[in-house]
Amino acid sequence: MLSPADDYPIHQTPEPIAVSGSDRNFYDRYFFNAQAPDGGAMLGVAMGIYPHLNIIDCAVSVTDGTVQRSLFASRILGADRMDTHAGPVRIHVEQPLKRLRITIADNDTGISGDMVFTGRAAPIEEPRFTRRLGSRMLMDATRMTQGGDWQGHIAAGAVHDLAGWRGTRDRSWGVRPIGAADPQPVVPQSPPQFFWLWTPTAFDDWLLFFHSNDDAAGAPWNRAAVLVRVADGAHFHLQDPRMALAFRAGSRHAGAARLEALMPDGTPVGVDFRLGANFLMRGLGYGHPVRGHGMFQGADVLAHEDFVIADIDPAAPMNAHVQAQAEAVLTIGDKAAVTGRGIFEQLAIGPHAPSGFTDLFDLAG
């Protein structure tokens, strides 16, 4: 199955670009978030391409601290993986690894806009995510992450001018569970367990990236921390990064956290996070029971959903996956502390000994 992308010298297998190996769970995703300087508003965008399911879907979600408003779009992909639009949303790569634009044409959901993300430094490449469930590959993916500035506007309940907003974008691709559940799981079945933290944070002179996937005992199977110096783009891969969490009672969400690590020369690094309002990731399709990533919703579907923040139950499993708006204080050795803002993504399913979780969805006391 040939496609327009086959005219570009980007093949990485002997097959046409429309095909990506043989795993039905192959995906290719764009993700963006942005936050107002005072933390009063936040937005997220996620677009996924699933060539072996023949689906492309997208979600845009905006919160003003009172209501989180989401647009969901999905269509049959066809052969052209470079046609990056779903419904009214289109992603334009204006300068690879530097500047991307998102346009949202006027539509019935009331969410529209024209937004430009410009990287403040080159993206980082995170360690490859590889995880098996018994003999079956559960996750095998590469991800790059970049901090940047925003321009433009988005309308969702009100019109937000994005001048001065900062945020993060990532690109990931590979294999992870998507679409409908596997009708024949590996036996014997293992109880679900997944622990994830991701804390991209922007300071005036630095960008911080930390993530961790832990097993039930708390041992990381994928963890890394990087400081990027904005002035020259230098990457400092931090040694022995460790995150201590203080959970909010009756939830699996932290209210505060501290990261400790070492610069390559041994200089200590500390970051204290104070966590505010939660942005629901199901507003971008993550774990959504109907609008989940790769789910077939119809040939060309556009939908809208609002979440009233005061009505959200933090103990409900469908609300477990969040990005908390974070204020952060960074110290490097004996230098003066600097302040910044970012997001603190959390998803804890099943046991995690350091957090005191022993069951599928028991809560902090």
Protein backbone atom coordinates (compact mmCIF):
# COMPACT_ATOMS: atom_id res chain seq x y z
CA MET A 1 0.00 0.00 0.00
CA LEU A 2 1.88 3.05 -1.26
CA SER A 3 1.31 6.52 0.21
CA PRO A 4 2.66 10.07 -0.32
CA ALA A 5 5.24 9.49 2.43
CA ASP A 6 6.92 6.87 0.23
CA ASP A 7 8.31 9.69 -1.90
CA TYR A 8 10.47 10.82 1.05
CA PRO A 9 13.71 9.00 2.01
CA ILE A 10 12.43 8.06 5.49
CA HIS A 11 11.85 4.28 5.21
CA GLN A 12 13.10 2.21 8.13
CA THR A 13 11.85 -1.21 7.06
CA PRO A 14 11.68 -2.88 3.62
CA GLU A 15 7.94 -2.18 3.57
CA PRO A 16 6.00 0.88 2.39
CA ILE A 17 5.55 3.63 4.99
CA ALA A 18 1.88 2.70 5.43
CA VAL A 19 3.05 -0.49 7.18
CA SER A 20 4.98 -0.49 10.47
CA GLY A 21 6.17 -3.99 11.18
CA SER A 22 3.53 -6.53 12.20
CA ASP A 23 2.29 -5.54 15.69
CA ARG A 24 -1.32 -4.32 15.61
CA ASN A 25 -0.53 -2.01 18.56
CA PHE A 26 1.94 0.15 16.65
CA TYR A 27 1.25 3.86 17.19
CA ASP A 28 2.79 7.25 16.35
CA ARG A 29 1.77 10.19 18.57
CA TYR A 30 2.05 13.94 19.03
CA PHE A 31 1.44 15.39 22.49
CA PHE A 32 1.45 19.03 23.65
CA ASN A 33 0.62 20.93 26.82
CA ALA A 34 0.70 24.60 27.72
CA GLN A 35 0.18 26.51 30.94
CA ALA A 36 -0.58 30.15 31.69
CA PRO A 37 2.16 31.97 33.64
CA ASP A 38 -0.05 32.17 36.74
CA GLY A 39 -1.31 28.58 36.43
CA GLY A 40 -4.86 29.80 35.97
CA ALA A 41 -5.42 27.91 32.72
CA MET A 42 -3.92 24.90 30.96
CA LEU A 43 -4.39 23.08 27.68
CA GLY A 44 -3.39 19.75 26.19
CA VAL A 45 -3.43 18.24 22.70
CA ALA A 46 -2.91 14.59 21.76
CA MET A 47 -2.99 13.12 18.24
CA GLY A 48 -2.36 9.44 17.54
CA ILE A 49 -1.91 7.53 14.29
CA TYR A 50 -2.52 3.77 14.34
CA PRO A 51 -1.62 2.41 10.88
CA HIS A 52 -2.56 -1.22 11.57
CA LEU A 53 -5.95 -0.20 12.98
CA ASN A 54 -6.41 2.32 10.12
CA ILE A 55 -7.42 5.06 12.57
CA ILE A 56 -6.22 8.56 13.44
CA ASP A 57 -7.65 10.36 16.46
CA CYS A 58 -7.12 13.61 18.30
CA ALA A 59 -8.24 15.37 21.46
CA VAL A 60 -7.90 18.97 22.62
CA SER A 61 -8.68 19.86 26.22
CA VAL A 62 -8.65 23.23 28.01
CA THR A 63 -9.25 24.03 31.67
CA ASP A 64 -9.80 27.39 33.34
CA GLY A 65 -9.75 25.88 36.82
CA THR A 66 -13.54 25.54 36.92
CA VAL A 67 -14.41 23.49 33.83
CA GLN A 68 -12.24 21.27 31.64
CA ARG A 69 -13.58 21.32 28.08
CA SER A 70 -12.60 18.65 25.55
CA LEU A 71 -12.89 18.14 21.82
CA PHE A 72 -12.54 14.60 20.47
CA ALA A 73 -12.09 13.76 16.78
CA SER A 74 -11.49 10.45 15.03
CA ARG A 75 -11.49 9.25 11.42
CA ILE A 76 -10.44 6.38 9.22
CA LEU A 77 -6.77 6.95 8.41
CA GLY A 78 -6.45 5.65 4.86
CA ALA A 79 -2.99 5.29 3.36
CA ASP A 80 -1.59 8.77 4.02
CA ARG A 81 0.08 8.91 7.45
CA MET A 82 1.38 12.40 6.67
CA ASP A 83 -2.14 13.84 6.51
CA THR A 84 -2.10 14.84 10.18
CA HIS A 85 -5.65 16.02 10.68
CA ALA A 86 -8.64 14.65 12.55
CA GLY A 87 -11.88 16.59 12.29
CA PRO A 88 -11.09 20.31 12.61
CA VAL A 89 -7.64 19.76 14.16
CA ARG A 90 -4.46 19.73 12.10
CA ILE A 91 -0.79 19.59 13.14
CA HIS A 92 1.75 21.34 10.93
CA VAL A 93 5.49 20.65 11.26
CA GLU A 94 6.84 24.07 10.29
CA GLN A 95 10.45 23.44 11.32
CA PRO A 96 11.28 19.88 12.41
CA LEU A 97 12.52 19.61 16.02
CA LYS A 98 11.90 23.34 16.50
CA ARG A 99 8.48 24.77 15.59
CA LEU A 100 5.05 23.15 15.20
CA ARG A 101 1.65 24.71 14.64
CA ILE A 102 -1.79 23.44 15.65
CA THR A 103 -4.87 24.80 13.92
CA ILE A 104 -8.42 24.08 15.06
CA ALA A 105 -11.02 25.29 12.60
CA ASP A 106 -14.34 26.63 13.85
CA ASN A 107 -16.63 23.72 14.72
CA ASP A 108 -19.67 22.74 16.78
CA THR A 109 -17.69 21.98 19.97
CA GLY A 110 -16.87 25.64 20.62
CA ILE A 111 -13.13 24.87 20.79
CA SER A 112 -11.01 26.50 18.10
CA GLY A 113 -7.66 28.17 17.74
CA ASP A 114 -4.31 28.72 16.07
CA MET A 115 -1.28 27.90 18.23
CA VAL A 116 2.47 27.79 17.59
CA PHE A 117 4.95 25.88 19.76
CA THR A 118 8.62 26.90 19.51
CA GLY A 119 11.26 24.83 21.28
CA ARG A 120 13.56 26.64 23.71
CA ALA A 121 16.25 23.98 23.19
CA ALA A 122 16.61 20.79 21.20
CA PRO A 123 14.48 17.81 22.30
CA ILE A 124 15.88 15.16 24.58
CA GLU A 125 15.59 11.45 23.73
CA GLU A 126 14.42 9.38 26.68
CA PRO A 127 15.66 5.83 27.27
CA ARG A 128 13.73 3.32 25.18
CA PHE A 129 10.62 2.04 26.94
CA THR A 130 10.57 -1.76 26.75
CA ARG A 131 8.28 -3.85 28.95
CA ARG A 132 7.00 -7.39 28.57
CA LEU A 133 3.96 -9.02 30.11
CA GLY A 134 5.09 -12.61 30.40
CA SER A 135 6.22 -13.58 26.92
CA ARG A 136 4.30 -10.81 25.15
CA MET A 137 5.61 -7.34 24.37
CA LEU A 138 3.48 -4.82 26.25
CA MET A 139 5.45 -1.68 25.45
CA ASP A 140 8.35 -0.93 23.12
CA ALA A 141 8.55 2.77 22.34
CA THR A 142 10.86 5.72 21.78
CA ARG A 143 9.98 9.22 22.96
CA MET A 144 11.52 12.63 22.53
CA THR A 145 10.49 15.56 24.75
CA GLN A 146 10.98 19.29 24.30
CA GLY A 147 10.24 22.39 26.37
CA GLY A 148 9.05 25.49 24.59
CA ASP A 149 7.13 28.75 24.34
CA TRP A 150 3.66 29.28 22.89
CA GLN A 151 2.08 31.94 20.74
CA GLY A 152 -1.39 32.29 19.26
CA HIS A 153 -4.77 31.72 20.85
CA ILE A 154 -7.32 29.10 21.77
CA ALA A 155 -11.03 29.61 22.38
CA ALA A 156 -12.77 27.29 24.85
CA GLY A 157 -15.39 29.03 26.97
CA ALA A 158 -13.17 32.11 26.71
CA VAL A 159 -10.43 33.19 24.34
CA HIS A 160 -6.95 32.59 25.78
CA ASP A 161 -4.02 34.57 24.37
CA LEU A 162 -1.04 32.21 24.61
CA ALA A 163 1.65 34.89 24.71
CA GLY A 164 3.85 34.13 27.72
CA TRP A 165 2.58 30.55 28.07
CA ARG A 166 5.16 27.78 28.36
CA GLY A 167 4.83 24.05 28.01
CA THR A 168 6.08 20.77 26.66
CA ARG A 169 5.61 18.66 23.61
CA ASP A 170 6.63 15.11 22.93
CA ARG A 171 6.69 12.66 20.05
CA SER A 172 6.52 8.96 20.77
CA TRP A 173 6.21 5.94 18.55
CA GLY A 174 6.36 2.18 18.83
CA VAL A 175 4.17 -0.41 20.53
CA ARG A 176 1.82 0.11 23.48
CA PRO A 177 -1.73 -1.07 24.24
CA ILE A 178 -4.21 0.78 22.00
CA GLY A 179 -7.76 0.31 20.80
CA ALA A 180 -9.88 -2.62 21.91
CA ALA A 181 -8.58 -4.94 24.61
CA ASP A 182 -6.85 -8.14 23.52
CA PRO A 183 -9.50 -10.92 23.46
CA GLN A 184 -6.94 -13.52 24.54
CA PRO A 185 -4.50 -12.23 27.18
CA VAL A 186 -1.37 -14.06 28.28
CA VAL A 187 -2.03 -16.78 30.85
CA PRO A 188 -1.79 -16.99 33.75
CA GLN A 189 -3.04 -13.43 33.99
CA SER A 190 -1.15 -10.97 36.18
CA PRO A 191 -2.95 -8.31 38.20
CA PRO A 192 -2.59 -4.86 36.60
CA GLN A 193 0.33 -2.74 37.80
CA PHE A 194 1.65 0.49 36.30
CA PHE A 195 3.36 3.36 38.10
CA TRP A 196 4.30 6.47 36.14
CA LEU A 197 5.67 9.93 36.92
CA TRP A 198 6.62 12.63 34.41
CA THR A 199 7.63 16.15 35.45
CA PRO A 200 8.66 18.46 32.57
CA THR A 201 9.33 21.84 34.19
CA ALA A 202 10.39 25.21 32.80
CA PHE A 203 12.68 27.72 34.51
CA ASP A 204 14.05 30.90 32.96
CA ASP A 205 17.49 29.37 32.39
CA TRP A 206 16.83 25.63 32.68
CA LEU A 207 14.49 22.90 31.51
CA LEU A 208 13.99 19.86 33.72
CA PHE A 209 12.80 16.45 32.53
CA PHE A 210 12.26 13.57 34.95
CA HIS A 211 10.26 10.39 34.47
CA SER A 212 9.97 7.04 36.18
CA ASN A 213 8.22 3.75 35.50
CA ASP A 214 8.35 1.61 38.67
CA ASP A 215 7.41 -1.99 39.36
CA ALA A 216 5.31 -3.04 42.35
CA ALA A 217 8.34 -3.05 44.66
CA GLY A 218 9.24 0.48 43.59
CA ALA A 219 12.25 -0.52 41.48
CA PRO A 220 12.44 1.60 38.31
CA TRP A 221 12.37 -0.22 34.99
CA ASN A 222 12.74 3.07 33.13
CA ARG A 223 13.90 6.24 34.89
CA ALA A 224 15.89 9.27 33.81
CA ALA A 225 16.42 12.91 34.70
CA VAL A 226 17.93 15.60 32.48
CA LEU A 227 18.63 19.29 33.00
CA VAL A 228 18.93 21.37 29.82
CA ARG A 229 20.67 24.74 29.98
CA VAL A 230 18.67 27.03 27.74
CA ALA A 231 21.53 29.41 26.94
CA ASP A 232 23.56 26.85 25.00
CA GLY A 233 21.28 23.79 24.87
CA ALA A 234 23.70 21.69 26.93
CA HIS A 235 22.20 18.47 28.34
CA PHE A 236 23.17 17.30 31.84
CA HIS A 237 22.07 13.74 32.55
CA LEU A 238 21.47 13.60 36.29
CA GLN A 239 22.75 10.68 38.34
CA ASP A 240 20.74 8.66 40.90
CA PRO A 241 17.47 10.62 40.57
CA ARG A 242 14.96 9.90 43.35
CA MET A 243 11.49 11.34 43.86
CA ALA A 244 9.81 11.50 47.28
CA LEU A 245 6.03 11.92 47.18
CA ALA A 246 3.55 13.27 49.73
CA PHE A 247 0.09 12.00 48.76
CA ARG A 248 -3.23 13.71 49.32
CA ALA A 249 -5.46 11.65 51.60
CA GLY A 250 -8.21 9.73 49.84
CA SER A 251 -6.46 9.71 46.47
CA ARG A 252 -3.47 8.43 44.53
CA HIS A 253 -2.36 11.96 43.70
CA ALA A 254 0.58 13.74 45.27
CA GLY A 255 0.20 17.21 46.74
CA ALA A 256 3.94 17.82 47.06
CA ALA A 257 7.14 16.12 45.97
CA ARG A 258 10.91 16.47 46.07
CA LEU A 259 13.42 15.31 43.46
CA GLU A 260 17.03 14.75 44.49
CA ALA A 261 19.85 13.89 42.07
CA LEU A 262 23.46 14.68 41.19
CA MET A 263 24.96 16.58 38.29
CA PRO A 264 27.54 14.58 36.31
CA ASP A 265 30.30 16.27 38.37
CA GLY A 266 28.63 15.28 41.64
CA THR A 267 26.98 18.63 42.43
CA PRO A 268 23.69 18.01 44.25
CA VAL A 269 20.43 19.01 42.59
CA GLY A 270 17.12 19.42 44.38
CA VAL A 271 13.67 20.32 43.07
CA ASP A 272 10.70 20.94 45.34
CA PHE A 273 7.27 20.69 43.73
CA ARG A 274 4.08 22.17 45.10
CA LEU A 275 1.18 20.65 43.19
CA GLY A 276 -2.04 22.45 42.40
CA ALA A 277 -5.12 21.65 40.34
CA ASN A 278 -5.29 18.39 38.40
CA PHE A 279 -5.82 18.27 34.64
CA LEU A 280 -7.70 15.06 33.76
CA MET A 281 -5.90 13.00 31.15
CA ARG A 282 -9.15 11.29 30.14
CA GLY A 283 -9.97 14.71 28.70
CA LEU A 284 -7.32 13.82 26.10
CA GLY A 285 -8.54 10.25 25.61
CA TYR A 286 -6.17 8.53 28.07
CA GLY A 287 -8.26 5.78 29.62
CA HIS A 288 -11.50 7.28 28.32
CA PRO A 289 -14.17 4.54 28.17
CA VAL A 290 -15.51 5.70 24.78
CA ARG A 291 -12.92 8.08 23.28
CA GLY A 292 -9.85 6.03 24.16
CA HIS A 293 -6.83 6.07 21.87
CA GLY A 294 -7.26 3.90 18.81
CA MET A 295 -10.90 3.02 19.56
CA PHE A 296 -13.04 2.83 16.43
CA GLN A 297 -15.71 5.49 16.88
CA GLY A 298 -16.91 5.76 13.29
CA ALA A 299 -15.67 6.84 9.89
CA ASP A 300 -15.50 10.55 10.82
CA VAL A 301 -16.54 11.56 14.34
CA LEU A 302 -16.45 14.83 16.27
CA ALA A 303 -17.53 14.93 19.93
CA HIS A 304 -17.41 17.27 22.92
CA GLU A 305 -17.35 16.70 26.68
CA ASP A 306 -17.13 18.99 29.71
CA PHE A 307 -15.80 18.06 33.16
CA VAL A 308 -16.81 20.28 36.09
CA ILE A 309 -13.74 20.33 38.31
CA ALA A 310 -15.68 20.56 41.59
CA ASP A 311 -17.55 17.36 40.70
CA ILE A 312 -14.44 15.26 40.03
CA ASP A 313 -13.93 12.36 42.45
CA PRO A 314 -10.14 11.90 42.88
CA ALA A 315 -10.71 8.37 44.19
CA ALA A 316 -12.45 7.15 41.00
CA PRO A 317 -10.13 4.97 38.90
CA MET A 318 -11.07 6.83 35.71
CA ASN A 319 -9.58 9.97 37.29
CA ALA A 320 -6.32 8.35 38.40
CA HIS A 321 -4.33 9.64 35.42
CA VAL A 322 -3.68 13.37 35.87
CA GLN A 323 -1.25 16.16 35.15
CA ALA A 324 -1.07 18.40 38.20
CA GLN A 325 -0.08 21.99 37.65
CA ALA A 326 3.18 22.44 39.52
CA GLU A 327 5.17 25.26 41.05
CA ALA A 328 8.82 24.27 41.36
CA VAL A 329 11.97 25.50 43.14
CA LEU A 330 15.31 24.35 41.70
CA THR A 331 18.61 24.39 43.57
CA ILE A 332 21.95 23.38 42.04
CA GLY A 333 24.75 23.12 44.59
CA ASP A 334 25.18 26.35 46.51
CA LYS A 335 23.68 28.57 43.80
CA ALA A 336 20.60 30.65 44.56
CA ALA A 337 17.30 28.82 44.18
CA VAL A 338 15.21 29.59 41.09
CA THR A 339 11.47 29.16 40.59
CA GLY A 340 9.55 27.75 37.66
CA ARG A 341 6.37 26.03 36.55
CA GLY A 342 5.55 22.73 34.92
CA ILE A 343 3.31 19.73 35.13
CA PHE A 344 3.51 16.68 37.35
CA GLU A 345 1.95 13.71 35.58
CA GLN A 346 0.89 10.75 37.73
CA LEU A 347 -0.68 7.37 37.10
CA ALA A 348 -0.58 4.67 39.78
CA ILE A 349 -2.41 1.41 39.13
CA GLY A 350 -1.93 -1.56 41.43
CA PRO A 351 0.72 -2.01 44.12
CA HIS A 352 3.63 0.38 44.67
CA ALA A 353 5.47 -0.34 47.89
CA PRO A 354 7.19 3.06 48.41
CA SER A 355 3.80 4.79 48.14
CA GLY A 356 2.10 2.34 50.50
CA PHE A 357 -0.26 0.99 47.82
CA THR A 358 -0.93 -2.75 48.08
CA ASP A 359 -4.06 -3.33 45.99
CA LEU A 360 -5.47 -2.35 42.60
CA PHE A 361 -6.81 1.08 43.68
CA ASP A 362 -6.39 1.47 47.45
CA LEU A 363 -5.92 5.09 48.47
CA ALA A 364 -3.53 7.13 50.56
CA GLY A 365 -4.62 7.54 54.18
